[in-house]
Amino acid sequence: MADETLNQGVLHPDPGNAGRQWVTAMRWTVVERKKRRLPSGARRKKIPGRLILHVTVGQRTARGATTRLSGVAAVEKPRRPCTFFSLALAFCTQVRNGYGIYRLGDRQHLFLAAVNGQPAVMADSVDTPEGIQKKLALFL
């Protein structure tokens, strides 16, 4: 995966646990069926001072078909060891079909959306209120 296709992930510390970081603004893509794998060295790019986070989630339908999504984000390496969690996946455990807009700061909002219990491909983004309204219009 080329560096320009990686999203800059946004880290949010967990107020209840110092060793936990919540990651937002991941880039979600649909995983194609059984592609041939590349060697491990060619598969993952390394960026100095950054950590590349990968997460894959899948769902099996009643007919046996599987849909899989993969999320990727580049974040700054933490100063001390911590565990990373995807806020989009946590949102999907609570909301099967729906969306949420959360205020992070004065000019930053977070847009999360779930479709059939999985993160929407176009959701999980941090933007200005105007940008979030555009994404919401596309989602609906």
N, C-alpha and C. Protein backbone atom coordinates (compact mmCIF):
# COMPACT_ATOMS: atom_id res chain seq x y z
N MET A 1 0.85 -1.17 0.00
CA MET A 1 0.00 0.00 0.00
C MET A 1 0.90 1.22 0.00
N ALA A 2 0.69 2.12 -0.91
CA ALA A 2 1.52 3.31 -1.02
C ALA A 2 1.23 4.29 0.11
N ASP A 3 2.25 5.11 0.42
CA ASP A 3 2.12 6.05 1.53
C ASP A 3 1.00 7.04 1.33
N GLU A 4 0.77 7.47 0.08
CA GLU A 4 -0.25 8.47 -0.15
C GLU A 4 -1.67 7.93 0.03
N THR A 5 -1.84 6.62 0.06
CA THR A 5 -3.18 6.06 0.26
C THR A 5 -3.49 5.84 1.73
N LEU A 6 -2.53 6.05 2.61
CA LEU A 6 -2.77 5.85 4.04
C LEU A 6 -3.43 7.07 4.65
N ASN A 7 -4.42 6.83 5.47
CA ASN A 7 -5.04 7.92 6.22
C ASN A 7 -4.20 8.22 7.44
N GLN A 8 -4.15 9.49 7.79
CA GLN A 8 -3.51 9.89 9.04
C GLN A 8 -4.52 9.64 10.15
N GLY A 9 -4.30 8.61 10.92
CA GLY A 9 -5.21 8.28 12.01
C GLY A 9 -5.12 9.31 13.12
N VAL A 10 -6.22 9.47 13.84
CA VAL A 10 -6.27 10.40 14.96
C VAL A 10 -6.41 9.57 16.23
N LEU A 11 -5.53 9.81 17.19
CA LEU A 11 -5.55 9.07 18.45
C LEU A 11 -6.28 9.86 19.52
N HIS A 12 -7.08 9.16 20.30
CA HIS A 12 -7.80 9.76 21.43
C HIS A 12 -7.50 8.90 22.66
N PRO A 13 -6.89 9.48 23.70
CA PRO A 13 -6.61 8.68 24.90
C PRO A 13 -7.89 8.31 25.63
N ASP A 14 -7.89 7.13 26.21
CA ASP A 14 -9.03 6.67 27.00
C ASP A 14 -8.90 7.27 28.39
N PRO A 15 -9.90 8.04 28.84
CA PRO A 15 -9.78 8.66 30.16
C PRO A 15 -9.78 7.65 31.31
N GLY A 16 -10.30 6.47 31.10
CA GLY A 16 -10.36 5.47 32.16
C GLY A 16 -9.18 4.52 32.20
N ASN A 17 -8.36 4.51 31.14
CA ASN A 17 -7.25 3.56 31.06
C ASN A 17 -6.10 4.22 30.32
N ALA A 18 -4.98 4.45 31.00
CA ALA A 18 -3.85 5.15 30.39
C ALA A 18 -3.17 4.32 29.30
N GLY A 19 -3.32 3.02 29.32
CA GLY A 19 -2.68 2.16 28.33
C GLY A 19 -3.53 1.88 27.11
N ARG A 20 -4.61 2.64 26.91
CA ARG A 20 -5.53 2.40 25.80
C ARG A 20 -5.67 3.68 24.97
N GLN A 21 -5.58 3.53 23.65
CA GLN A 21 -5.78 4.64 22.71
C GLN A 21 -6.87 4.24 21.72
N TRP A 22 -7.79 5.17 21.46
CA TRP A 22 -8.85 4.95 20.47
C TRP A 22 -8.40 5.60 19.16
N VAL A 23 -8.53 4.86 18.06
CA VAL A 23 -8.10 5.34 16.75
C VAL A 23 -9.32 5.68 15.92
N THR A 24 -9.32 6.87 15.32
CA THR A 24 -10.37 7.28 14.39
C THR A 24 -9.72 7.67 13.08
N ALA A 25 -10.54 7.92 12.09
CA ALA A 25 -10.11 8.34 10.74
C ALA A 25 -9.32 7.24 10.04
N MET A 26 -9.75 6.00 10.19
CA MET A 26 -9.13 4.89 9.46
C MET A 26 -9.72 4.83 8.05
N ARG A 27 -8.95 4.32 7.12
CA ARG A 27 -9.42 4.14 5.74
C ARG A 27 -9.94 2.72 5.62
N TRP A 28 -11.25 2.58 5.36
CA TRP A 28 -11.89 1.26 5.27
C TRP A 28 -12.09 0.90 3.81
N THR A 29 -11.73 -0.33 3.44
CA THR A 29 -11.93 -0.83 2.09
C THR A 29 -12.51 -2.23 2.15
N VAL A 30 -13.21 -2.61 1.10
CA VAL A 30 -13.76 -3.97 0.99
C VAL A 30 -12.62 -4.89 0.56
N VAL A 31 -12.49 -6.01 1.25
CA VAL A 31 -11.45 -6.99 0.93
C VAL A 31 -11.98 -7.90 -0.17
N GLU A 32 -11.21 -8.02 -1.23
CA GLU A 32 -11.60 -8.89 -2.35
C GLU A 32 -11.42 -10.35 -1.96
N ARG A 33 -12.06 -11.22 -2.69
CA ARG A 33 -11.96 -12.65 -2.42
C ARG A 33 -10.57 -13.17 -2.73
N LYS A 34 -10.00 -13.87 -1.83
CA LYS A 34 -8.77 -14.65 -1.96
C LYS A 34 -7.80 -14.15 -3.03
N LYS A 35 -7.25 -12.98 -2.81
CA LYS A 35 -6.20 -12.52 -3.70
C LYS A 35 -4.90 -13.21 -3.30
N ARG A 36 -4.01 -13.30 -4.23
CA ARG A 36 -2.72 -13.90 -3.94
C ARG A 36 -1.92 -12.95 -3.06
N ARG A 37 -1.35 -13.46 -2.01
CA ARG A 37 -0.63 -12.63 -1.05
C ARG A 37 0.79 -12.33 -1.54
N LEU A 38 1.24 -11.13 -1.19
CA LEU A 38 2.61 -10.74 -1.47
C LEU A 38 3.51 -11.20 -0.32
N PRO A 39 4.80 -11.26 -0.54
CA PRO A 39 5.70 -11.56 0.58
C PRO A 39 5.54 -10.51 1.68
N SER A 40 5.77 -10.92 2.91
CA SER A 40 5.47 -10.04 4.05
C SER A 40 6.24 -8.73 3.99
N GLY A 41 7.46 -8.71 3.48
CA GLY A 41 8.23 -7.47 3.40
C GLY A 41 7.65 -6.49 2.39
N ALA A 42 7.06 -6.99 1.31
CA ALA A 42 6.50 -6.13 0.28
C ALA A 42 5.08 -5.69 0.62
N ARG A 43 4.44 -6.41 1.52
CA ARG A 43 3.05 -6.14 1.81
C ARG A 43 2.86 -4.90 2.68
N ARG A 44 3.75 -4.66 3.62
CA ARG A 44 3.56 -3.56 4.56
C ARG A 44 4.67 -2.54 4.42
N LYS A 45 4.28 -1.30 4.18
CA LYS A 45 5.24 -0.21 4.09
C LYS A 45 5.61 0.25 5.49
N LYS A 46 6.82 0.75 5.62
CA LYS A 46 7.27 1.31 6.89
C LYS A 46 7.51 2.80 6.70
N ILE A 47 7.01 3.59 7.63
CA ILE A 47 7.21 5.03 7.61
C ILE A 47 7.95 5.39 8.88
N PRO A 48 9.10 6.05 8.79
CA PRO A 48 9.85 6.39 10.00
C PRO A 48 9.03 7.25 10.96
N GLY A 49 9.04 6.89 12.24
CA GLY A 49 8.32 7.65 13.25
C GLY A 49 6.82 7.39 13.28
N ARG A 50 6.34 6.51 12.43
CA ARG A 50 4.91 6.22 12.37
C ARG A 50 4.68 4.73 12.57
N LEU A 51 3.49 4.43 12.99
CA LEU A 51 3.06 3.05 13.18
C LEU A 51 1.86 2.83 12.27
N ILE A 52 1.88 1.77 11.47
CA ILE A 52 0.79 1.47 10.56
C ILE A 52 -0.12 0.45 11.25
N LEU A 53 -1.38 0.82 11.45
CA LEU A 53 -2.35 -0.05 12.10
C LEU A 53 -3.24 -0.70 11.05
N HIS A 54 -3.42 -2.01 11.15
CA HIS A 54 -4.28 -2.77 10.25
C HIS A 54 -5.32 -3.51 11.08
N VAL A 55 -6.56 -3.51 10.61
CA VAL A 55 -7.61 -4.29 11.25
C VAL A 55 -8.53 -4.83 10.15
N THR A 56 -8.95 -6.08 10.29
CA THR A 56 -9.87 -6.69 9.33
C THR A 56 -11.05 -7.26 10.10
N VAL A 57 -12.24 -6.99 9.60
CA VAL A 57 -13.46 -7.47 10.24
C VAL A 57 -14.30 -8.15 9.17
N GLY A 58 -14.96 -9.24 9.54
CA GLY A 58 -15.77 -9.98 8.58
C GLY A 58 -17.11 -10.35 9.14
N GLN A 59 -18.01 -10.73 8.24
CA GLN A 59 -19.36 -11.10 8.63
C GLN A 59 -19.86 -12.18 7.68
N ARG A 60 -20.45 -13.22 8.22
CA ARG A 60 -21.00 -14.30 7.40
C ARG A 60 -22.52 -14.14 7.35
N THR A 61 -23.08 -14.19 6.14
CA THR A 61 -24.52 -14.07 5.96
C THR A 61 -25.18 -15.42 6.14
N ALA A 62 -26.50 -15.43 6.11
CA ALA A 62 -27.26 -16.68 6.29
C ALA A 62 -27.00 -17.66 5.15
N ARG A 63 -26.66 -17.15 3.99
CA ARG A 63 -26.41 -18.01 2.84
C ARG A 63 -24.96 -18.47 2.76
N GLY A 64 -24.14 -18.08 3.71
CA GLY A 64 -22.76 -18.53 3.73
C GLY A 64 -21.77 -17.58 3.08
N ALA A 65 -22.23 -16.50 2.50
CA ALA A 65 -21.32 -15.54 1.89
C ALA A 65 -20.65 -14.71 2.98
N THR A 66 -19.40 -14.36 2.75
CA THR A 66 -18.65 -13.59 3.73
C THR A 66 -18.31 -12.23 3.15
N THR A 67 -18.54 -11.19 3.92
CA THR A 67 -18.11 -9.85 3.53
C THR A 67 -17.04 -9.41 4.52
N ARG A 68 -15.95 -8.87 4.00
CA ARG A 68 -14.85 -8.45 4.85
C ARG A 68 -14.46 -7.01 4.54
N LEU A 69 -14.12 -6.29 5.60
CA LEU A 69 -13.62 -4.93 5.48
C LEU A 69 -12.27 -4.85 6.17
N SER A 70 -11.40 -4.03 5.60
CA SER A 70 -10.08 -3.83 6.18
C SER A 70 -9.88 -2.35 6.45
N GLY A 71 -9.40 -2.03 7.63
CA GLY A 71 -9.12 -0.64 8.01
C GLY A 71 -7.64 -0.43 8.21
N VAL A 72 -7.13 0.71 7.71
CA VAL A 72 -5.71 1.03 7.80
C VAL A 72 -5.57 2.49 8.21
N ALA A 73 -4.60 2.76 9.08
CA ALA A 73 -4.30 4.14 9.46
C ALA A 73 -2.84 4.22 9.88
N ALA A 74 -2.24 5.37 9.65
CA ALA A 74 -0.88 5.65 10.10
C ALA A 74 -0.97 6.60 11.29
N VAL A 75 -0.37 6.23 12.40
CA VAL A 75 -0.39 7.07 13.60
C VAL A 75 1.04 7.26 14.09
N GLU A 76 1.24 8.30 14.89
CA GLU A 76 2.56 8.51 15.48
C GLU A 76 2.85 7.41 16.48
N LYS A 77 4.11 7.00 16.54
CA LYS A 77 4.48 5.95 17.50
C LYS A 77 4.32 6.49 18.91
N PRO A 78 3.68 5.73 19.77
CA PRO A 78 3.50 6.21 21.15
C PRO A 78 4.82 6.19 21.92
N ARG A 79 4.91 7.05 22.93
CA ARG A 79 6.11 7.11 23.75
C ARG A 79 6.22 5.90 24.66
N ARG A 80 5.09 5.38 25.10
CA ARG A 80 5.08 4.19 25.95
C ARG A 80 4.12 3.18 25.35
N PRO A 81 4.28 1.92 25.70
CA PRO A 81 3.42 0.88 25.12
C PRO A 81 1.94 1.12 25.44
N CYS A 82 1.11 0.89 24.45
CA CYS A 82 -0.33 1.01 24.66
C CYS A 82 -1.04 0.08 23.68
N THR A 83 -2.32 -0.12 23.92
CA THR A 83 -3.16 -0.94 23.06
C THR A 83 -4.08 -0.03 22.27
N PHE A 84 -4.22 -0.31 20.98
CA PHE A 84 -5.05 0.51 20.11
C PHE A 84 -6.39 -0.18 19.86
N PHE A 85 -7.45 0.61 19.85
CA PHE A 85 -8.80 0.13 19.56
C PHE A 85 -9.44 1.04 18.52
N SER A 86 -10.20 0.45 17.61
CA SER A 86 -10.90 1.22 16.59
C SER A 86 -12.23 1.73 17.16
N LEU A 87 -12.41 3.03 17.13
CA LEU A 87 -13.66 3.61 17.61
C LEU A 87 -14.82 3.25 16.67
N ALA A 88 -14.52 3.08 15.38
CA ALA A 88 -15.57 2.70 14.42
C ALA A 88 -16.11 1.30 14.73
N LEU A 89 -15.24 0.37 15.10
CA LEU A 89 -15.70 -0.98 15.44
C LEU A 89 -16.48 -0.98 16.74
N ALA A 90 -16.06 -0.17 17.69
CA ALA A 90 -16.82 -0.07 18.94
C ALA A 90 -18.20 0.52 18.68
N PHE A 91 -18.28 1.49 17.77
CA PHE A 91 -19.56 2.08 17.39
C PHE A 91 -20.47 1.03 16.76
N CYS A 92 -19.89 0.16 15.93
CA CYS A 92 -20.68 -0.87 15.23
C CYS A 92 -21.23 -1.92 16.18
N THR A 93 -20.60 -2.12 17.34
CA THR A 93 -21.16 -3.06 18.31
C THR A 93 -22.42 -2.52 18.96
N GLN A 94 -22.58 -1.21 18.98
CA GLN A 94 -23.74 -0.58 19.59
C GLN A 94 -24.83 -0.23 18.59
N VAL A 95 -24.43 0.10 17.35
CA VAL A 95 -25.37 0.54 16.32
C VAL A 95 -25.21 -0.36 15.10
N ARG A 96 -26.24 -1.11 14.75
CA ARG A 96 -26.14 -2.00 13.59
C ARG A 96 -26.28 -1.24 12.27
N ASN A 97 -27.28 -0.40 12.16
CA ASN A 97 -27.50 0.43 10.97
C ASN A 97 -27.78 1.85 11.45
N GLY A 98 -26.87 2.75 11.17
CA GLY A 98 -27.08 4.14 11.59
C GLY A 98 -25.79 4.93 11.51
N TYR A 99 -25.86 6.15 12.02
CA TYR A 99 -24.69 7.01 11.99
C TYR A 99 -24.67 7.87 13.25
N GLY A 100 -23.53 8.47 13.49
CA GLY A 100 -23.36 9.37 14.63
C GLY A 100 -22.35 10.44 14.29
N ILE A 101 -22.60 11.65 14.75
CA ILE A 101 -21.67 12.76 14.58
C ILE A 101 -21.29 13.23 15.97
N TYR A 102 -20.00 13.26 16.24
CA TYR A 102 -19.50 13.61 17.56
C TYR A 102 -18.53 14.79 17.46
N ARG A 103 -18.64 15.69 18.40
CA ARG A 103 -17.79 16.88 18.41
C ARG A 103 -16.50 16.57 19.16
N LEU A 104 -15.37 16.78 18.50
CA LEU A 104 -14.07 16.53 19.10
C LEU A 104 -13.42 17.82 19.60
N GLY A 105 -13.73 18.92 18.96
CA GLY A 105 -13.15 20.21 19.31
C GLY A 105 -13.97 21.32 18.69
N ASP A 106 -13.41 22.53 18.68
CA ASP A 106 -14.14 23.66 18.11
C ASP A 106 -14.41 23.47 16.63
N ARG A 107 -13.43 23.02 15.87
CA ARG A 107 -13.58 22.88 14.43
C ARG A 107 -13.42 21.44 13.95
N GLN A 108 -13.48 20.48 14.84
CA GLN A 108 -13.34 19.08 14.44
C GLN A 108 -14.54 18.27 14.90
N HIS A 109 -15.09 17.52 13.96
CA HIS A 109 -16.19 16.60 14.25
C HIS A 109 -15.82 15.23 13.71
N LEU A 110 -16.38 14.20 14.32
CA LEU A 110 -16.15 12.82 13.91
C LEU A 110 -17.45 12.25 13.37
N PHE A 111 -17.39 11.64 12.18
CA PHE A 111 -18.55 11.01 11.55
C PHE A 111 -18.33 9.50 11.54
N LEU A 112 -19.20 8.77 12.21
CA LEU A 112 -19.15 7.31 12.24
C LEU A 112 -20.46 6.78 11.68
N ALA A 113 -20.40 5.71 10.91
CA ALA A 113 -21.60 5.09 10.35
C ALA A 113 -21.42 3.58 10.29
N ALA A 114 -22.52 2.88 10.47
CA ALA A 114 -22.51 1.42 10.42
C ALA A 114 -23.59 0.94 9.46
N VAL A 115 -23.24 -0.09 8.69
CA VAL A 115 -24.18 -0.74 7.78
C VAL A 115 -24.06 -2.24 8.03
N ASN A 116 -25.16 -2.86 8.44
CA ASN A 116 -25.19 -4.29 8.76
C ASN A 116 -24.13 -4.68 9.79
N GLY A 117 -23.90 -3.83 10.76
CA GLY A 117 -22.97 -4.14 11.84
C GLY A 117 -21.50 -3.99 11.50
N GLN A 118 -21.20 -3.43 10.34
CA GLN A 118 -19.81 -3.18 9.94
C GLN A 118 -19.64 -1.70 9.64
N PRO A 119 -18.41 -1.18 9.77
CA PRO A 119 -18.20 0.24 9.46
C PRO A 119 -18.50 0.54 8.00
N ALA A 120 -19.15 1.66 7.76
CA ALA A 120 -19.39 2.09 6.38
C ALA A 120 -18.05 2.51 5.78
N VAL A 121 -17.84 2.20 4.50
CA VAL A 121 -16.57 2.49 3.84
C VAL A 121 -16.28 3.98 3.83
N MET A 122 -17.31 4.81 3.68
CA MET A 122 -17.08 6.26 3.58
C MET A 122 -17.12 6.96 4.93
N ALA A 123 -17.36 6.24 6.00
CA ALA A 123 -17.45 6.87 7.32
C ALA A 123 -16.10 6.83 8.02
N ASP A 124 -16.11 7.00 9.34
CA ASP A 124 -14.92 7.04 10.18
C ASP A 124 -13.98 8.14 9.72
N SER A 125 -14.48 9.37 9.71
CA SER A 125 -13.65 10.48 9.27
C SER A 125 -13.76 11.65 10.23
N VAL A 126 -12.66 12.38 10.35
CA VAL A 126 -12.58 13.59 11.16
C VAL A 126 -12.46 14.76 10.20
N ASP A 127 -13.35 15.75 10.34
CA ASP A 127 -13.39 16.87 9.40
C ASP A 127 -14.05 18.06 10.07
N THR A 128 -14.16 19.14 9.32
CA THR A 128 -14.88 20.32 9.79
C THR A 128 -16.38 20.04 9.75
N PRO A 129 -17.20 20.84 10.43
CA PRO A 129 -18.65 20.60 10.38
C PRO A 129 -19.22 20.62 8.96
N GLU A 130 -18.69 21.49 8.10
CA GLU A 130 -19.18 21.55 6.72
C GLU A 130 -18.83 20.27 5.96
N GLY A 131 -17.61 19.76 6.15
CA GLY A 131 -17.20 18.52 5.49
C GLY A 131 -18.00 17.33 5.98
N ILE A 132 -18.32 17.32 7.26
CA ILE A 132 -19.12 16.22 7.82
C ILE A 132 -20.53 16.26 7.25
N GLN A 133 -21.10 17.44 7.08
CA GLN A 133 -22.45 17.55 6.49
C GLN A 133 -22.47 17.02 5.06
N LYS A 134 -21.40 17.26 4.30
CA LYS A 134 -21.32 16.72 2.94
C LYS A 134 -21.26 15.19 2.97
N LYS A 135 -20.46 14.64 3.89
CA LYS A 135 -20.36 13.19 4.00
C LYS A 135 -21.67 12.57 4.45
N LEU A 136 -22.37 13.26 5.34
CA LEU A 136 -23.67 12.77 5.79
C LEU A 136 -24.66 12.74 4.64
N ALA A 137 -24.66 13.78 3.80
CA ALA A 137 -25.56 13.81 2.64
C ALA A 137 -25.26 12.66 1.69
N LEU A 138 -23.98 12.33 1.49
CA LEU A 138 -23.61 11.21 0.63
C LEU A 138 -24.04 9.87 1.25
N PHE A 139 -23.91 9.77 2.56
CA PHE A 139 -24.26 8.53 3.24
C PHE A 139 -25.76 8.27 3.18
N LEU A 140 -26.55 9.32 3.39
CA LEU A 140 -28.00 9.14 3.38
C LEU A 140 -28.49 9.02 1.96
